[in-house]
Amino acid sequence: MLTLGVDVGGSKLLACVVDDDGEVVDEARQETGRATAPDEIVERVAELVWRFRAEGHALDGIGVGIPGLCDHARGVVRSSIMLEGW
């Protein structure tokens, strides 16, 4: 089983594919900025999912970390001190 973990920050987007033991199998890092829009982040994450799948990683789940307040019931980010416009 492989899981994709994504860390969205004010300076980078870090994505790691990990196995059941928590070992990093693959990773990708992309520079971002505080003004990187939510729709651009979503597009980049989707591209990374396709890339990892094309490289033969059968992903079973995805977790995303965002520096801010999330409304879990609605599935949205309410605000972030690190990301403008979120």
PDB file of N, CA and C in Angstrom:
ATOM      1  N   MET A   1       0.845  -1.179   0.000  1.00  0.00           N
ATOM      2  CA  MET A   1       0.000   0.000   0.000  1.00  0.00           C
ATOM      3  C   MET A   1       0.889   1.241   0.000  1.00  0.00           C
ATOM      4  N   LEU A   2       0.594   2.185  -0.877  1.00  0.00           N
ATOM      5  CA  LEU A   2       1.345   3.429  -0.972  1.00  0.00           C
ATOM      6  C   LEU A   2       0.427   4.615  -0.724  1.00  0.00           C
ATOM      7  N   THR A   3       0.951   5.586   0.000  1.00  0.00           N
ATOM      8  CA  THR A   3       0.195   6.792   0.317  1.00  0.00           C
ATOM      9  C   THR A   3       1.004   8.002  -0.110  1.00  0.00           C
ATOM     10  N   LEU A   4       0.307   8.999  -0.645  1.00  0.00           N
ATOM     11  CA  LEU A   4       0.941  10.253  -1.022  1.00  0.00           C
ATOM     12  C   LEU A   4       0.678  11.270   0.075  1.00  0.00           C
ATOM     13  N   GLY A   5       1.749  11.817   0.637  1.00  0.00           N
ATOM     14  CA  GLY A   5       1.638  12.891   1.606  1.00  0.00           C
ATOM     15  C   GLY A   5       2.084  14.181   0.959  1.00  0.00           C
ATOM     16  N   VAL A   6       1.271  15.234   1.122  1.00  0.00           N
ATOM     17  CA  VAL A   6       1.571  16.514   0.487  1.00  0.00           C
ATOM     18  C   VAL A   6       1.625  17.596   1.563  1.00  0.00           C
ATOM     19  N   ASP A   7       2.729  18.332   1.596  1.00  0.00           N
ATOM     20  CA  ASP A   7       2.921  19.455   2.508  1.00  0.00           C
ATOM     21  C   ASP A   7       2.856  20.730   1.688  1.00  0.00           C
ATOM     22  N   VAL A   8       1.796  21.515   1.900  1.00  0.00           N
ATOM     23  CA  VAL A   8       1.622  22.775   1.185  1.00  0.00           C
ATOM     24  C   VAL A   8       2.096  23.894   2.101  1.00  0.00           C
ATOM     25  N   GLY A   9       3.082  24.660   1.643  1.00  0.00           N
ATOM     26  CA  GLY A   9       3.604  25.744   2.461  1.00  0.00           C
ATOM     27  C   GLY A   9       3.714  27.033   1.697  1.00  0.00           C
ATOM     28  N   GLY A  10       4.207  28.043   2.365  1.00  0.00           N
ATOM     29  CA  GLY A  10       4.347  29.357   1.759  1.00  0.00           C
ATOM     30  C   GLY A  10       5.548  29.477   0.840  1.00  0.00           C
ATOM     31  N   SER A  11       6.450  28.488   0.866  1.00  0.00           N
ATOM     32  CA  SER A  11       7.625  28.556   0.001  1.00  0.00           C
ATOM     33  C   SER A  11       7.828  27.305  -0.850  1.00  0.00           C
ATOM     34  N   LYS A  12       7.103  26.218  -0.504  1.00  0.00           N
ATOM     35  CA  LYS A  12       7.296  24.977  -1.250  1.00  0.00           C
ATOM     36  C   LYS A  12       6.064  24.084  -1.158  1.00  0.00           C
ATOM     37  N   LEU A  13       6.008  23.174  -2.116  1.00  0.00           N
ATOM     38  CA  LEU A  13       5.051  22.079  -2.114  1.00  0.00           C
ATOM     39  C   LEU A  13       5.916  20.823  -2.093  1.00  0.00           C
ATOM     40  N   LEU A  14       5.790  20.024  -1.055  1.00  0.00           N
ATOM     41  CA  LEU A  14       6.582  18.803  -0.934  1.00  0.00           C
ATOM     42  C   LEU A  14       5.627  17.616  -0.955  1.00  0.00           C
ATOM     43  N   ALA A  15       5.874  16.688  -1.856  1.00  0.00           N
ATOM     44  CA  ALA A  15       5.042  15.495  -1.979  1.00  0.00           C
ATOM     45  C   ALA A  15       5.926  14.265  -1.825  1.00  0.00           C
ATOM     46  N   CYS A  16       5.504  13.340  -0.951  1.00  0.00           N
ATOM     47  CA  CYS A  16       6.261  12.113  -0.715  1.00  0.00           C
ATOM     48  C   CYS A  16       5.341  10.912  -0.832  1.00  0.00           C
ATOM     49  N   VAL A  17       5.791   9.913  -1.565  1.00  0.00           N
ATOM     50  CA  VAL A  17       5.106   8.628  -1.612  1.00  0.00           C
ATOM     51  C   VAL A  17       5.752   7.760  -0.545  1.00  0.00           C
ATOM     52  N   VAL A  18       4.932   7.231   0.363  1.00  0.00           N
ATOM     53  CA  VAL A  18       5.466   6.398   1.444  1.00  0.00           C
ATOM     54  C   VAL A  18       4.773   5.037   1.436  1.00  0.00           C
ATOM     55  N   ASP A  19       5.521   4.027   1.921  1.00  0.00           N
ATOM     56  CA  ASP A  19       4.951   2.680   2.007  1.00  0.00           C
ATOM     57  C   ASP A  19       4.349   2.462   3.398  1.00  0.00           C
ATOM     58  N   ASP A  20       3.875   1.252   3.660  1.00  0.00           N
ATOM     59  CA  ASP A  20       3.228   0.935   4.939  1.00  0.00           C
ATOM     60  C   ASP A  20       4.142   1.128   6.142  1.00  0.00           C
ATOM     61  N   ASP A  21       5.443   1.048   5.932  1.00  0.00           N
ATOM     62  CA  ASP A  21       6.406   1.221   7.012  1.00  0.00           C
ATOM     63  C   ASP A  21       6.825   2.681   7.197  1.00  0.00           C
ATOM     64  N   GLY A  22       6.253   3.569   6.377  1.00  0.00           N
ATOM     65  CA  GLY A  22       6.599   4.985   6.465  1.00  0.00           C
ATOM     66  C   GLY A  22       7.874   5.349   5.739  1.00  0.00           C
ATOM     67  N   GLU A  23       8.393   4.420   4.960  1.00  0.00           N
ATOM     68  CA  GLU A  23       9.612   4.686   4.185  1.00  0.00           C
ATOM     69  C   GLU A  23       9.257   5.473   2.920  1.00  0.00           C
ATOM     70  N   VAL A  24      10.044   6.504   2.651  1.00  0.00           N
ATOM     71  CA  VAL A  24       9.818   7.318   1.459  1.00  0.00           C
ATOM     72  C   VAL A  24      10.281   6.538   0.234  1.00  0.00           C
ATOM     73  N   VAL A  25       9.353   6.342  -0.695  1.00  0.00           N
ATOM     74  CA  VAL A  25       9.612   5.603  -1.933  1.00  0.00           C
ATOM     75  C   VAL A  25       9.982   6.562  -3.063  1.00  0.00           C
ATOM     76  N   ASP A  26       9.361   7.742  -3.059  1.00  0.00           N
ATOM     77  CA  ASP A  26       9.597   8.744  -4.099  1.00  0.00           C
ATOM     78  C   ASP A  26       9.182  10.093  -3.528  1.00  0.00           C
ATOM     79  N   GLU A  27       9.716  11.157  -4.095  1.00  0.00           N
ATOM     80  CA  GLU A  27       9.309  12.482  -3.631  1.00  0.00           C
ATOM     81  C   GLU A  27       9.507  13.509  -4.730  1.00  0.00           C
ATOM     82  N   ALA A  28       8.823  14.636  -4.547  1.00  0.00           N
ATOM     83  CA  ALA A  28       8.953  15.759  -5.474  1.00  0.00           C
ATOM     84  C   ALA A  28       8.805  17.042  -4.667  1.00  0.00           C
ATOM     85  N   ARG A  29       9.571  18.045  -5.062  1.00  0.00           N
ATOM     86  CA  ARG A  29       9.513  19.340  -4.392  1.00  0.00           C
ATOM     87  C   ARG A  29       9.363  20.406  -5.463  1.00  0.00           C
ATOM     88  N   GLN A  30       8.432  21.321  -5.221  1.00  0.00           N
ATOM     89  CA  GLN A  30       8.221  22.434  -6.146  1.00  0.00           C
ATOM     90  C   GLN A  30       8.200  23.724  -5.340  1.00  0.00           C
ATOM     91  N   GLU A  31       8.842  24.736  -5.872  1.00  0.00           N
ATOM     92  CA  GLU A  31       8.832  26.036  -5.216  1.00  0.00           C
ATOM     93  C   GLU A  31       7.449  26.678  -5.396  1.00  0.00           C
ATOM     94  N   THR A  32       6.991  27.342  -4.364  1.00  0.00           N
ATOM     95  CA  THR A  32       5.747  28.104  -4.409  1.00  0.00           C
ATOM     96  C   THR A  32       6.032  29.458  -3.772  1.00  0.00           C
ATOM     97  N   GLY A  33       5.029  30.256  -3.668  1.00  0.00           N
ATOM     98  CA  GLY A  33       5.126  31.539  -2.978  1.00  0.00           C
ATOM     99  C   GLY A  33       3.870  31.757  -2.159  1.00  0.00           C
ATOM    100  N   ARG A  34       3.922  32.728  -1.295  1.00  0.00           N
ATOM    101  CA  ARG A  34       2.757  33.014  -0.444  1.00  0.00           C
ATOM    102  C   ARG A  34       1.512  33.324  -1.281  1.00  0.00           C
ATOM    103  N   ALA A  35       1.715  33.838  -2.486  1.00  0.00           N
ATOM    104  CA  ALA A  35       0.590  34.229  -3.336  1.00  0.00           C
ATOM    105  C   ALA A  35       0.140  33.118  -4.289  1.00  0.00           C
ATOM    106  N   THR A  36       0.684  31.907  -4.150  1.00  0.00           N
ATOM    107  CA  THR A  36       0.247  30.801  -5.009  1.00  0.00           C
ATOM    108  C   THR A  36      -1.217  30.492  -4.688  1.00  0.00           C
ATOM    109  N   ALA A  37      -2.063  30.597  -5.691  1.00  0.00           N
ATOM    110  CA  ALA A  37      -3.511  30.460  -5.501  1.00  0.00           C
ATOM    111  C   ALA A  37      -3.913  29.014  -5.212  1.00  0.00           C
ATOM    112  N   PRO A  38      -5.020  28.851  -4.481  1.00  0.00           N
ATOM    113  CA  PRO A  38      -5.503  27.502  -4.174  1.00  0.00           C
ATOM    114  C   PRO A  38      -5.710  26.633  -5.406  1.00  0.00           C
ATOM    115  N   ASP A  39      -6.279  27.207  -6.488  1.00  0.00           N
ATOM    116  CA  ASP A  39      -6.523  26.396  -7.679  1.00  0.00           C
ATOM    117  C   ASP A  39      -5.219  25.941  -8.327  1.00  0.00           C
ATOM    118  N   GLU A  40      -4.164  26.739  -8.214  1.00  0.00           N
ATOM    119  CA  GLU A  40      -2.868  26.328  -8.758  1.00  0.00           C
ATOM    120  C   GLU A  40      -2.274  25.180  -7.928  1.00  0.00           C
ATOM    121  N   ILE A  41      -2.432  25.253  -6.616  1.00  0.00           N
ATOM    122  CA  ILE A  41      -1.946  24.171  -5.755  1.00  0.00           C
ATOM    123  C   ILE A  41      -2.687  22.876  -6.075  1.00  0.00           C
ATOM    124  N   VAL A  42      -3.992  22.948  -6.226  1.00  0.00           N
ATOM    125  CA  VAL A  42      -4.775  21.757  -6.548  1.00  0.00           C
ATOM    126  C   VAL A  42      -4.316  21.176  -7.885  1.00  0.00           C
ATOM    127  N   GLU A  43      -4.073  22.032  -8.866  1.00  0.00           N
ATOM    128  CA  GLU A  43      -3.604  21.576 -10.172  1.00  0.00           C
ATOM    129  C   GLU A  43      -2.237  20.898 -10.070  1.00  0.00           C
ATOM    130  N   ARG A  44      -1.341  21.483  -9.281  1.00  0.00           N
ATOM    131  CA  ARG A  44      -0.019  20.891  -9.108  1.00  0.00           C
ATOM    132  C   ARG A  44      -0.086  19.533  -8.412  1.00  0.00           C
ATOM    133  N   VAL A  45      -0.935  19.429  -7.391  1.00  0.00           N
ATOM    134  CA  VAL A  45      -1.079  18.140  -6.695  1.00  0.00           C
ATOM    135  C   VAL A  45      -1.630  17.093  -7.657  1.00  0.00           C
ATOM    136  N   ALA A  46      -2.627  17.463  -8.462  1.00  0.00           N
ATOM    137  CA  ALA A  46      -3.188  16.519  -9.436  1.00  0.00           C
ATOM    138  C   ALA A  46      -2.112  16.067 -10.428  1.00  0.00           C
ATOM    139  N   GLU A  47      -1.285  16.995 -10.877  1.00  0.00           N
ATOM    140  CA  GLU A  47      -0.203  16.638 -11.800  1.00  0.00           C
ATOM    141  C   GLU A  47       0.784  15.673 -11.143  1.00  0.00           C
ATOM    142  N   LEU A  48       1.074  15.887  -9.863  1.00  0.00           N
ATOM    143  CA  LEU A  48       1.979  14.988  -9.148  1.00  0.00           C
ATOM    144  C   LEU A  48       1.382  13.595  -8.998  1.00  0.00           C
ATOM    145  N   VAL A  49       0.076  13.529  -8.745  1.00  0.00           N
ATOM    146  CA  VAL A  49      -0.591  12.223  -8.657  1.00  0.00           C
ATOM    147  C   VAL A  49      -0.423  11.484  -9.982  1.00  0.00           C
ATOM    148  N   TRP A  50      -0.682  12.162 -11.097  1.00  0.00           N
ATOM    149  CA  TRP A  50      -0.533  11.535 -12.413  1.00  0.00           C
ATOM    150  C   TRP A  50       0.905  11.114 -12.662  1.00  0.00           C
ATOM    151  N   ARG A  51       1.854  11.970 -12.256  1.00  0.00           N
ATOM    152  CA  ARG A  51       3.275  11.649 -12.445  1.00  0.00           C
ATOM    153  C   ARG A  51       3.672  10.405 -11.670  1.00  0.00           C
ATOM    154  N   PHE A  52       3.309  10.363 -10.389  1.00  0.00           N
ATOM    155  CA  PHE A  52       3.666   9.206  -9.564  1.00  0.00           C
ATOM    156  C   PHE A  52       3.002   7.930 -10.092  1.00  0.00           C
ATOM    157  N   ARG A  53       1.761   8.036 -10.539  1.00  0.00           N
ATOM    158  CA  ARG A  53       1.086   6.866 -11.105  1.00  0.00           C
ATOM    159  C   ARG A  53       1.765   6.417 -12.387  1.00  0.00           C
ATOM    160  N   ALA A  54       2.170   7.375 -13.225  1.00  0.00           N
ATOM    161  CA  ALA A  54       2.857   7.037 -14.476  1.00  0.00           C
ATOM    162  C   ALA A  54       4.194   6.355 -14.210  1.00  0.00           C
ATOM    163  N   GLU A  55       4.795   6.648 -13.056  1.00  0.00           N
ATOM    164  CA  GLU A  55       6.070   6.035 -12.686  1.00  0.00           C
ATOM    165  C   GLU A  55       5.871   4.676 -12.008  1.00  0.00           C
ATOM    166  N   GLY A  56       4.613   4.210 -11.968  1.00  0.00           N
ATOM    167  CA  GLY A  56       4.333   2.883 -11.447  1.00  0.00           C
ATOM    168  C   GLY A  56       3.913   2.807  -9.992  1.00  0.00           C
ATOM    169  N   HIS A  57       3.678   3.935  -9.353  1.00  0.00           N
ATOM    170  CA  HIS A  57       3.241   3.934  -7.954  1.00  0.00           C
ATOM    171  C   HIS A  57       1.714   3.881  -7.896  1.00  0.00           C
ATOM    172  N   ALA A  58       1.182   2.767  -7.415  1.00  0.00           N
ATOM    173  CA  ALA A  58      -0.265   2.619  -7.266  1.00  0.00           C
ATOM    174  C   ALA A  58      -0.667   3.220  -5.918  1.00  0.00           C
ATOM    175  N   LEU A  59      -1.123   4.464  -5.948  1.00  0.00           N
ATOM    176  CA  LEU A  59      -1.450   5.185  -4.722  1.00  0.00           C
ATOM    177  C   LEU A  59      -2.795   4.731  -4.166  1.00  0.00           C
ATOM    178  N   ASP A  60      -2.809   4.444  -2.861  1.00  0.00           N
ATOM    179  CA  ASP A  60      -4.032   4.007  -2.196  1.00  0.00           C
ATOM    180  C   ASP A  60      -4.700   5.127  -1.411  1.00  0.00           C
ATOM    181  N   GLY A  61      -3.997   6.219  -1.190  1.00  0.00           N
ATOM    182  CA  GLY A  61      -4.567   7.327  -0.435  1.00  0.00           C
ATOM    183  C   GLY A  61      -3.691   8.553  -0.543  1.00  0.00           C
ATOM    184  N   ILE A  62      -4.286   9.696  -0.192  1.00  0.00           N
ATOM    185  CA  ILE A  62      -3.581  10.973  -0.230  1.00  0.00           C
ATOM    186  C   ILE A  62      -3.920  11.742   1.044  1.00  0.00           C
ATOM    187  N   GLY A  63      -2.897  12.331   1.655  1.00  0.00           N
ATOM    188  CA  GLY A  63      -3.084  13.226   2.788  1.00  0.00           C
ATOM    189  C   GLY A  63      -2.438  14.557   2.455  1.00  0.00           C
ATOM    190  N   VAL A  64      -3.127  15.659   2.808  1.00  0.00           N
ATOM    191  CA  VAL A  64      -2.621  16.984   2.499  1.00  0.00           C
ATOM    192  C   VAL A  64      -2.569  17.807   3.775  1.00  0.00           C
ATOM    193  N   GLY A  65      -1.415  18.428   4.018  1.00  0.00           N
ATOM    194  CA  GLY A  65      -1.253  19.323   5.155  1.00  0.00           C
ATOM    195  C   GLY A  65      -1.219  20.760   4.678  1.00  0.00           C
ATOM    196  N   ILE A  66      -2.022  21.605   5.317  1.00  0.00           N
ATOM    197  CA  ILE A  66      -2.133  23.018   4.961  1.00  0.00           C
ATOM    198  C   ILE A  66      -1.844  23.846   6.214  1.00  0.00           C
ATOM    199  N   PRO A  67      -1.042  24.910   6.112  1.00  0.00           N
ATOM    200  CA  PRO A  67      -0.776  25.740   7.283  1.00  0.00           C
ATOM    201  C   PRO A  67      -1.910  26.739   7.517  1.00  0.00           C
ATOM    202  N   GLY A  68      -2.940  26.291   8.191  1.00  0.00           N
ATOM    203  CA  GLY A  68      -4.055  27.200   8.440  1.00  0.00           C
ATOM    204  C   GLY A  68      -5.231  26.490   9.070  1.00  0.00           C
ATOM    205  N   LEU A  69      -6.337  27.205   9.115  1.00  0.00           N
ATOM    206  CA  LEU A  69      -7.559  26.684   9.706  1.00  0.00           C
ATOM    207  C   LEU A  69      -8.413  26.005   8.640  1.00  0.00           C
ATOM    208  N   CYS A  70      -8.810  24.768   8.919  1.00  0.00           N
ATOM    209  CA  CYS A  70      -9.622  24.000   7.977  1.00  0.00           C
ATOM    210  C   CYS A  70     -10.997  23.743   8.570  1.00  0.00           C
ATOM    211  N   ASP A  71     -12.013  23.807   7.733  1.00  0.00           N
ATOM    212  CA  ASP A  71     -13.369  23.411   8.094  1.00  0.00           C
ATOM    213  C   ASP A  71     -13.514  21.981   7.589  1.00  0.00           C
ATOM    214  N   HIS A  72     -13.281  21.027   8.472  1.00  0.00           N
ATOM    215  CA  HIS A  72     -13.282  19.616   8.069  1.00  0.00           C
ATOM    216  C   HIS A  72     -14.657  19.144   7.619  1.00  0.00           C
ATOM    217  N   ALA A  73     -15.707  19.670   8.212  1.00  0.00           N
ATOM    218  CA  ALA A  73     -17.058  19.263   7.827  1.00  0.00           C
ATOM    219  C   ALA A  73     -17.358  19.646   6.381  1.00  0.00           C
ATOM    220  N   ARG A  74     -16.862  20.792   5.955  1.00  0.00           N
ATOM    221  CA  ARG A  74     -17.109  21.259   4.584  1.00  0.00           C
ATOM    222  C   ARG A  74     -15.957  20.951   3.640  1.00  0.00           C
ATOM    223  N   GLY A  75     -14.812  20.537   4.186  1.00  0.00           N
ATOM    224  CA  GLY A  75     -13.672  20.189   3.343  1.00  0.00           C
ATOM    225  C   GLY A  75     -13.002  21.377   2.691  1.00  0.00           C
ATOM    226  N   VAL A  76     -12.923  22.499   3.415  1.00  0.00           N
ATOM    227  CA  VAL A  76     -12.315  23.702   2.857  1.00  0.00           C
ATOM    228  C   VAL A  76     -11.319  24.311   3.839  1.00  0.00           C
ATOM    229  N   VAL A  77     -10.352  25.035   3.286  1.00  0.00           N
ATOM    230  CA  VAL A  77      -9.424  25.810   4.105  1.00  0.00           C
ATOM    231  C   VAL A  77     -10.080  27.159   4.349  1.00  0.00           C
ATOM    232  N   ARG A  78     -10.174  27.559   5.606  1.00  0.00           N
ATOM    233  CA  ARG A  78     -10.808  28.836   5.950  1.00  0.00           C
ATOM    234  C   ARG A  78      -9.833  30.007   5.892  1.00  0.00           C
ATOM    235  N   SER A  79      -8.611  29.800   6.357  1.00  0.00           N
ATOM    236  CA  SER A  79      -7.622  30.880   6.341  1.00  0.00           C
ATOM    237  C   SER A  79      -6.234  30.296   6.574  1.00  0.00           C
ATOM    238  N   SER A  80      -5.234  31.098   6.208  1.00  0.00           N
ATOM    239  CA  SER A  80      -3.852  30.683   6.421  1.00  0.00           C
ATOM    240  C   SER A  80      -2.987  31.918   6.588  1.00  0.00           C
ATOM    241  N   ILE A  81      -2.116  31.903   7.593  1.00  0.00           N
ATOM    242  CA  ILE A  81      -1.202  33.029   7.754  1.00  0.00           C
ATOM    243  C   ILE A  81      -0.023  32.912   6.800  1.00  0.00           C
ATOM    244  N   MET A  82       0.178  31.724   6.211  1.00  0.00           N
ATOM    245  CA  MET A  82       1.301  31.483   5.310  1.00  0.00           C
ATOM    246  C   MET A  82       0.921  31.618   3.836  1.00  0.00           C
ATOM    247  N   LEU A  83      -0.365  31.513   3.526  1.00  0.00           N
ATOM    248  CA  LEU A  83      -0.815  31.521   2.128  1.00  0.00           C
ATOM    249  C   LEU A  83      -1.856  32.618   1.936  1.00  0.00           C
ATOM    250  N   GLU A  84      -1.575  33.543   1.067  1.00  0.00           N
ATOM    251  CA  GLU A  84      -2.497  34.649   0.812  1.00  0.00           C
ATOM    252  C   GLU A  84      -3.707  34.174   0.006  1.00  0.00           C
ATOM    253  N   GLY A  85      -4.895  34.643   0.385  1.00  0.00           N
ATOM    254  CA  GLY A  85      -6.095  34.342  -0.376  1.00  0.00           C
ATOM    255  C   GLY A  85      -6.749  33.005  -0.070  1.00  0.00           C
ATOM    256  N   TRP A  86      -6.242  32.299   0.934  1.00  0.00           N
ATOM    257  CA  TRP A  86      -6.846  31.014   1.278  1.00  0.00           C
ATOM    258  C   TRP A  86      -7.893  31.221   2.353  1.00  0.00           C
TER     259      TRP A  86
END
